[in-house]
């Protein structure tokens, strides 16, 4: 059974940092590109960051570029999202998605909630 389990979401103050993790199981993790999407209150789900199978290429939304870093550990079947300089616009549910085709996720985790508030 394919599973993507996100963790690390929390309440954090503006300007703070947070690291999200997503542990994958049930498929060959090293053969899939991985993505982090997010969905803010009343907003559509949007791409935050993506990383290729061997970490050779990463892609970021303009809104998170220079603040977020996506990485992966194929030995641990885990993808990470390190987030810095968080602001209220970053509030939302963050979803991990696998993508056999670049930027076309075909399976999602259940998400982890990030709330940025003082």
C-alpha atoms as a PDB file:
ATOM      1  CA  UNK A   1       0.000   0.000   0.000  1.00  0.00           C
ATOM      2  CA  UNK A   2       1.341   3.410  -0.989  1.00  0.00           C
ATOM      3  CA  UNK A   3       1.662   5.751   1.951  1.00  0.00           C
ATOM      4  CA  UNK A   4       2.967   9.282   2.388  1.00  0.00           C
ATOM      5  CA  UNK A   5       2.966  10.488   5.967  1.00  0.00           C
ATOM      6  CA  UNK A   6       3.735  14.118   6.678  1.00  0.00           C
ATOM      7  CA  UNK A   7       4.825  15.476  10.024  1.00  0.00           C
ATOM      8  CA  UNK A   8       6.349  18.553  11.581  1.00  0.00           C
ATOM      9  CA  UNK A   9       3.508  21.000  11.242  1.00  0.00           C
ATOM     10  CA  UNK A  10       3.042  23.351  14.192  1.00  0.00           C
ATOM     11  CA  UNK A  11       2.116  26.800  15.381  1.00  0.00           C
ATOM     12  CA  UNK A  12       5.072  29.115  14.824  1.00  0.00           C
ATOM     13  CA  UNK A  13       5.594  32.828  15.239  1.00  0.00           C
ATOM     14  CA  UNK A  14       6.220  35.116  12.259  1.00  0.00           C
ATOM     15  CA  UNK A  15       9.861  35.030  11.322  1.00  0.00           C
ATOM     16  CA  UNK A  16      10.295  31.551  12.700  1.00  0.00           C
ATOM     17  CA  UNK A  17      11.463  28.336  11.095  1.00  0.00           C
ATOM     18  CA  UNK A  18      10.037  24.856  10.770  1.00  0.00           C
ATOM     19  CA  UNK A  19      11.043  21.600   9.117  1.00  0.00           C
ATOM     20  CA  UNK A  20       8.487  19.282   7.629  1.00  0.00           C
ATOM     21  CA  UNK A  21       9.112  15.613   6.895  1.00  0.00           C
ATOM     22  CA  UNK A  22       7.316  13.132   4.687  1.00  0.00           C
ATOM     23  CA  UNK A  23       8.026   9.431   5.001  1.00  0.00           C
ATOM     24  CA  UNK A  24       7.124   7.274   2.017  1.00  0.00           C
ATOM     25  CA  UNK A  25       6.393   3.570   1.864  1.00  0.00           C
ATOM     26  CA  UNK A  26       4.828   1.045  -0.463  1.00  0.00           C
ATOM     27  CA  UNK A  27       6.652   2.125  -3.637  1.00  0.00           C
ATOM     28  CA  UNK A  28      10.153   2.659  -4.988  1.00  0.00           C
ATOM     29  CA  UNK A  29      10.800   6.112  -3.541  1.00  0.00           C
ATOM     30  CA  UNK A  30      14.020   6.658  -5.495  1.00  0.00           C
ATOM     31  CA  UNK A  31      12.160   6.480  -8.799  1.00  0.00           C
ATOM     32  CA  UNK A  32       9.745   9.302  -8.043  1.00  0.00           C
ATOM     33  CA  UNK A  33      10.166  13.025  -8.031  1.00  0.00           C
ATOM     34  CA  UNK A  34       8.722  14.502  -4.872  1.00  0.00           C
ATOM     35  CA  UNK A  35       6.756  17.659  -4.212  1.00  0.00           C
ATOM     36  CA  UNK A  36       5.449  19.794  -1.405  1.00  0.00           C
ATOM     37  CA  UNK A  37       2.167  21.549  -2.042  1.00  0.00           C
ATOM     38  CA  UNK A  38       0.251  23.745   0.321  1.00  0.00           C
ATOM     39  CA  UNK A  39      -3.307  24.925   0.707  1.00  0.00           C
ATOM     40  CA  UNK A  40      -4.084  28.061   2.644  1.00  0.00           C
ATOM     41  CA  UNK A  41      -7.482  28.895   4.146  1.00  0.00           C
ATOM     42  CA  UNK A  42      -9.941  29.493   1.327  1.00  0.00           C
ATOM     43  CA  UNK A  43      -7.257  28.977  -1.299  1.00  0.00           C
ATOM     44  CA  UNK A  44      -6.489  26.348  -3.881  1.00  0.00           C
ATOM     45  CA  UNK A  45      -3.682  23.878  -3.429  1.00  0.00           C
ATOM     46  CA  UNK A  46      -0.482  25.272  -4.893  1.00  0.00           C
ATOM     47  CA  UNK A  47       3.002  23.995  -5.534  1.00  0.00           C
ATOM     48  CA  UNK A  48       5.564  25.011  -2.968  1.00  0.00           C
ATOM     49  CA  UNK A  49       8.618  23.027  -3.982  1.00  0.00           C
ATOM     50  CA  UNK A  50       9.695  19.993  -5.963  1.00  0.00           C
ATOM     51  CA  UNK A  51      12.802  17.844  -6.203  1.00  0.00           C
ATOM     52  CA  UNK A  52      13.938  15.301  -8.765  1.00  0.00           C
ATOM     53  CA  UNK A  53      14.730  11.672  -8.003  1.00  0.00           C
ATOM     54  CA  UNK A  54      18.437  12.222  -7.400  1.00  0.00           C
ATOM     55  CA  UNK A  55      18.124  15.744  -5.968  1.00  0.00           C
ATOM     56  CA  UNK A  56      19.786  17.131  -9.063  1.00  0.00           C
ATOM     57  CA  UNK A  57      17.088  19.692  -9.694  1.00  0.00           C
ATOM     58  CA  UNK A  58      14.769  21.618  -7.431  1.00  0.00           C
ATOM     59  CA  UNK A  59      11.963  24.015  -8.204  1.00  0.00           C
ATOM     60  CA  UNK A  60      10.260  26.581  -5.993  1.00  0.00           C
ATOM     61  CA  UNK A  61       7.239  28.817  -6.150  1.00  0.00           C
ATOM     62  CA  UNK A  62       8.221  32.487  -6.255  1.00  0.00           C
ATOM     63  CA  UNK A  63       6.480  33.016  -2.927  1.00  0.00           C
ATOM     64  CA  UNK A  64       8.827  30.635  -1.111  1.00  0.00           C
ATOM     65  CA  UNK A  65      12.021  30.967  -3.115  1.00  0.00           C
ATOM     66  CA  UNK A  66      15.033  31.850  -0.959  1.00  0.00           C
ATOM     67  CA  UNK A  67      13.102  30.935   2.189  1.00  0.00           C
ATOM     68  CA  UNK A  68      12.274  27.242   1.750  1.00  0.00           C
ATOM     69  CA  UNK A  69      14.610  24.356   0.957  1.00  0.00           C
ATOM     70  CA  UNK A  70      13.436  20.978  -0.271  1.00  0.00           C
ATOM     71  CA  UNK A  71      15.674  17.949   0.170  1.00  0.00           C
ATOM     72  CA  UNK A  72      15.383  14.187   0.211  1.00  0.00           C
ATOM     73  CA  UNK A  73      17.105  11.144   1.625  1.00  0.00           C
ATOM     74  CA  UNK A  74      16.545   8.136  -0.596  1.00  0.00           C
ATOM     75  CA  UNK A  75      18.038   5.836   2.023  1.00  0.00           C
ATOM     76  CA  UNK A  76      15.348   6.903   4.476  1.00  0.00           C
ATOM     77  CA  UNK A  77      12.523   7.260   1.926  1.00  0.00           C
ATOM     78  CA  UNK A  78      11.980  10.750   3.248  1.00  0.00           C
ATOM     79  CA  UNK A  79      11.541  14.188   1.731  1.00  0.00           C
ATOM     80  CA  UNK A  80      11.959  17.338   3.791  1.00  0.00           C
ATOM     81  CA  UNK A  81      10.905  20.954   3.576  1.00  0.00           C
ATOM     82  CA  UNK A  82      12.962  23.384   5.607  1.00  0.00           C
ATOM     83  CA  UNK A  83      11.091  26.662   5.989  1.00  0.00           C
ATOM     84  CA  UNK A  84      12.561  29.955   7.180  1.00  0.00           C
ATOM     85  CA  UNK A  85      11.265  33.489   7.657  1.00  0.00           C
ATOM     86  CA  UNK A  86       7.711  32.256   7.918  1.00  0.00           C
ATOM     87  CA  UNK A  87       4.859  34.724   7.616  1.00  0.00           C
ATOM     88  CA  UNK A  88       1.094  34.554   7.849  1.00  0.00           C
ATOM     89  CA  UNK A  89       0.788  33.828   4.130  1.00  0.00           C
ATOM     90  CA  UNK A  90       2.566  30.529   4.743  1.00  0.00           C
ATOM     91  CA  UNK A  91      -0.272  29.301   6.946  1.00  0.00           C
ATOM     92  CA  UNK A  92      -1.971  26.235   5.546  1.00  0.00           C
ATOM     93  CA  UNK A  93      -1.963  22.488   5.198  1.00  0.00           C
ATOM     94  CA  UNK A  94       1.196  21.166   3.604  1.00  0.00           C
ATOM     95  CA  UNK A  95       0.923  18.061   1.487  1.00  0.00           C
ATOM     96  CA  UNK A  96       3.618  15.757   0.274  1.00  0.00           C
ATOM     97  CA  UNK A  97       3.067  14.384  -3.210  1.00  0.00           C
ATOM     98  CA  UNK A  98       4.907  11.862  -5.342  1.00  0.00           C
ATOM     99  CA  UNK A  99       5.289  12.497  -9.052  1.00  0.00           C
ATOM    100  CA  UNK A 100       6.493   9.985 -11.612  1.00  0.00           C
ATOM    101  CA  UNK A 101       6.264  12.745 -14.199  1.00  0.00           C
ATOM    102  CA  UNK A 102       7.872  16.042 -13.227  1.00  0.00           C
ATOM    103  CA  UNK A 103       5.424  18.349 -11.437  1.00  0.00           C
ATOM    104  CA  UNK A 104       2.505  15.973 -11.977  1.00  0.00           C
ATOM    105  CA  UNK A 105       1.821  14.405  -8.596  1.00  0.00           C
ATOM    106  CA  UNK A 106      -0.301  11.285  -8.624  1.00  0.00           C
ATOM    107  CA  UNK A 107      -0.559  10.501  -4.914  1.00  0.00           C
ATOM    108  CA  UNK A 108      -0.828  12.641  -1.790  1.00  0.00           C
ATOM    109  CA  UNK A 109      -0.384  12.339   1.898  1.00  0.00           C
ATOM    110  CA  UNK A 110      -3.009  13.616   4.323  1.00  0.00           C
ATOM    111  CA  UNK A 111      -1.114  16.792   5.076  1.00  0.00           C
ATOM    112  CA  UNK A 112       0.305  18.554   8.105  1.00  0.00           C
ATOM    113  CA  UNK A 113      -0.944  21.906   9.399  1.00  0.00           C
ATOM    114  CA  UNK A 114       1.354  24.911   9.622  1.00  0.00           C
ATOM    115  CA  UNK A 115       0.026  27.975  11.386  1.00  0.00           C
ATOM    116  CA  UNK A 116       2.049  31.167  11.449  1.00  0.00           C
ATOM    117  CA  UNK A 117       0.711  33.522  14.050  1.00  0.00           C
ATOM    118  CA  UNK A 118       1.816  35.606  16.999  1.00  0.00           C
END
